[in-house]
Amino acid sequence: MPHFLDERTKQIALTRFHATLPRKVSIAAHKRIHHLAASHSLQDVSVAGVIYRVKGERFALRVDGRWFITFEWDDDHGASSLLLERLKGS
């Protein structure tokens, strides 16, 4: 399992739900997180959707509307520092 930047994202990865999020968002985020964990390349990640480059070295994968899983990518270790967040203007 990849490293998470907050407890909310970690809880969604482990349980598929979080009390403060709409069910639709948490279920979609859970699927995206597990897809990221199984990916061996950014090309594998792109199967789940368009990858956006945000915040310098971070990437983002849309979950629902303005909700994204943002992450860092290393070719040796894959996705890390995962965070579910709302991005403005996306």
C-alpha atoms as a PDB file:
ATOM      1  CA  MET A   1       0.000   0.000   0.000  1.00  0.00           C
ATOM      2  CA  PRO A   2       1.363   3.457  -0.861  1.00  0.00           C
ATOM      3  CA  HIS A   3       2.169   6.219   1.637  1.00  0.00           C
ATOM      4  CA  PHE A   4      -0.670   8.653   2.414  1.00  0.00           C
ATOM      5  CA  LEU A   5      -0.447  12.345   3.318  1.00  0.00           C
ATOM      6  CA  ASP A   6      -3.489  12.302   5.613  1.00  0.00           C
ATOM      7  CA  GLU A   7      -5.654   9.957   7.646  1.00  0.00           C
ATOM      8  CA  ARG A   8      -8.779  10.588   5.544  1.00  0.00           C
ATOM      9  CA  THR A   9      -7.117   9.274   2.373  1.00  0.00           C
ATOM     10  CA  LYS A  10      -5.687   6.303   4.273  1.00  0.00           C
ATOM     11  CA  GLN A  11      -9.100   5.459   5.756  1.00  0.00           C
ATOM     12  CA  ILE A  12     -10.725   5.564   2.316  1.00  0.00           C
ATOM     13  CA  ALA A  13      -8.027   3.236   0.960  1.00  0.00           C
ATOM     14  CA  LEU A  14      -8.579   0.769   3.792  1.00  0.00           C
ATOM     15  CA  THR A  15     -12.347   0.941   4.293  1.00  0.00           C
ATOM     16  CA  ARG A  16     -13.787   2.607   1.151  1.00  0.00           C
ATOM     17  CA  PHE A  17     -15.686   5.178   3.253  1.00  0.00           C
ATOM     18  CA  HIS A  18     -15.244   8.366   5.259  1.00  0.00           C
ATOM     19  CA  ALA A  19     -17.914  10.069   7.355  1.00  0.00           C
ATOM     20  CA  THR A  20     -17.307  13.576   5.966  1.00  0.00           C
ATOM     21  CA  LEU A  21     -17.387  12.691   2.262  1.00  0.00           C
ATOM     22  CA  PRO A  22     -20.213  11.842  -0.105  1.00  0.00           C
ATOM     23  CA  ARG A  23     -20.415   8.077  -0.592  1.00  0.00           C
ATOM     24  CA  LYS A  24     -19.976   8.450  -4.372  1.00  0.00           C
ATOM     25  CA  VAL A  25     -16.663  10.310  -3.904  1.00  0.00           C
ATOM     26  CA  SER A  26     -15.237   7.910  -1.321  1.00  0.00           C
ATOM     27  CA  ILE A  27     -16.072   4.808  -3.376  1.00  0.00           C
ATOM     28  CA  ALA A  28     -14.560   6.305  -6.546  1.00  0.00           C
ATOM     29  CA  ALA A  29     -11.474   7.445  -4.598  1.00  0.00           C
ATOM     30  CA  HIS A  30     -11.045   3.950  -3.158  1.00  0.00           C
ATOM     31  CA  LYS A  31     -10.998   2.495  -6.686  1.00  0.00           C
ATOM     32  CA  ARG A  32      -8.478   5.093  -7.910  1.00  0.00           C
ATOM     33  CA  ILE A  33      -6.183   4.524  -4.911  1.00  0.00           C
ATOM     34  CA  HIS A  34      -6.092   0.782  -5.503  1.00  0.00           C
ATOM     35  CA  HIS A  35      -5.493   1.316  -9.207  1.00  0.00           C
ATOM     36  CA  LEU A  36      -2.519   3.558  -8.325  1.00  0.00           C
ATOM     37  CA  ALA A  37      -1.175   0.952  -5.903  1.00  0.00           C
ATOM     38  CA  ALA A  38      -1.268  -1.719  -8.637  1.00  0.00           C
ATOM     39  CA  SER A  39       0.271   0.454 -11.373  1.00  0.00           C
ATOM     40  CA  HIS A  40       3.862  -0.087 -12.455  1.00  0.00           C
ATOM     41  CA  SER A  41       4.125   2.936 -14.742  1.00  0.00           C
ATOM     42  CA  LEU A  42       2.365   6.219 -15.424  1.00  0.00           C
ATOM     43  CA  GLN A  43       1.017   4.560 -18.562  1.00  0.00           C
ATOM     44  CA  ASP A  44      -0.726   2.009 -16.310  1.00  0.00           C
ATOM     45  CA  VAL A  45      -2.187   4.892 -14.281  1.00  0.00           C
ATOM     46  CA  SER A  46      -3.517   6.561 -17.427  1.00  0.00           C
ATOM     47  CA  VAL A  47      -5.831   3.577 -18.023  1.00  0.00           C
ATOM     48  CA  ALA A  48      -7.955   4.970 -15.152  1.00  0.00           C
ATOM     49  CA  GLY A  49      -8.161   8.431 -16.731  1.00  0.00           C
ATOM     50  CA  VAL A  50      -6.260  11.526 -17.727  1.00  0.00           C
ATOM     51  CA  ILE A  51      -3.233  12.301 -15.556  1.00  0.00           C
ATOM     52  CA  TYR A  52      -2.764  15.984 -14.741  1.00  0.00           C
ATOM     53  CA  ARG A  53       0.499  17.527 -13.600  1.00  0.00           C
ATOM     54  CA  VAL A  54      -0.114  19.785 -10.594  1.00  0.00           C
ATOM     55  CA  LYS A  55       1.978  21.490  -7.928  1.00  0.00           C
ATOM     56  CA  GLY A  56       5.440  20.905  -9.397  1.00  0.00           C
ATOM     57  CA  GLU A  57       6.283  17.220  -9.093  1.00  0.00           C
ATOM     58  CA  ARG A  58       2.787  16.056  -8.171  1.00  0.00           C
ATOM     59  CA  PHE A  59       0.277  14.417 -10.474  1.00  0.00           C
ATOM     60  CA  ALA A  60      -3.505  14.176 -10.183  1.00  0.00           C
ATOM     61  CA  LEU A  61      -6.088  11.632 -11.233  1.00  0.00           C
ATOM     62  CA  ARG A  62      -9.746  12.770 -11.286  1.00  0.00           C
ATOM     63  CA  VAL A  63     -12.085  11.012  -8.886  1.00  0.00           C
ATOM     64  CA  ASP A  64     -15.354  12.929  -9.307  1.00  0.00           C
ATOM     65  CA  GLY A  65     -15.990  16.536 -10.321  1.00  0.00           C
ATOM     66  CA  ARG A  66     -13.278  18.619  -8.662  1.00  0.00           C
ATOM     67  CA  TRP A  67     -12.141  15.750  -6.413  1.00  0.00           C
ATOM     68  CA  PHE A  68      -8.746  14.290  -7.319  1.00  0.00           C
ATOM     69  CA  ILE A  69      -6.216  11.885  -5.908  1.00  0.00           C
ATOM     70  CA  THR A  70      -2.909  13.736  -6.067  1.00  0.00           C
ATOM     71  CA  PHE A  71       0.321  11.797  -5.828  1.00  0.00           C
ATOM     72  CA  GLU A  72       4.036  11.715  -6.522  1.00  0.00           C
ATOM     73  CA  TRP A  73       5.453   9.182  -8.957  1.00  0.00           C
ATOM     74  CA  ASP A  74       8.773   7.355  -8.856  1.00  0.00           C
ATOM     75  CA  ASP A  75       9.546   4.803 -11.584  1.00  0.00           C
ATOM     76  CA  ASP A  76      11.156   2.492  -9.014  1.00  0.00           C
ATOM     77  CA  HIS A  77       8.419   2.650  -6.347  1.00  0.00           C
ATOM     78  CA  GLY A  78       5.273   3.864  -8.108  1.00  0.00           C
ATOM     79  CA  ALA A  79       2.733   6.197  -6.517  1.00  0.00           C
ATOM     80  CA  SER A  80       3.400   7.730  -3.116  1.00  0.00           C
ATOM     81  CA  SER A  81       2.209  10.615  -0.950  1.00  0.00           C
ATOM     82  CA  LEU A  82      -1.422  10.102  -1.967  1.00  0.00           C
ATOM     83  CA  LEU A  83      -3.956  12.747  -1.002  1.00  0.00           C
ATOM     84  CA  LEU A  84      -7.664  13.094  -1.809  1.00  0.00           C
ATOM     85  CA  GLU A  85      -8.345  16.777  -2.385  1.00  0.00           C
ATOM     86  CA  ARG A  86     -10.519  19.244  -4.239  1.00  0.00           C
ATOM     87  CA  LEU A  87      -8.629  21.224  -6.832  1.00  0.00           C
ATOM     88  CA  LYS A  88      -9.804  24.659  -7.870  1.00  0.00           C
ATOM     89  CA  GLY A  89     -10.439  25.447 -11.507  1.00  0.00           C
ATOM     90  CA  SER A  90     -10.249  21.828 -12.675  1.00  0.00           C
END
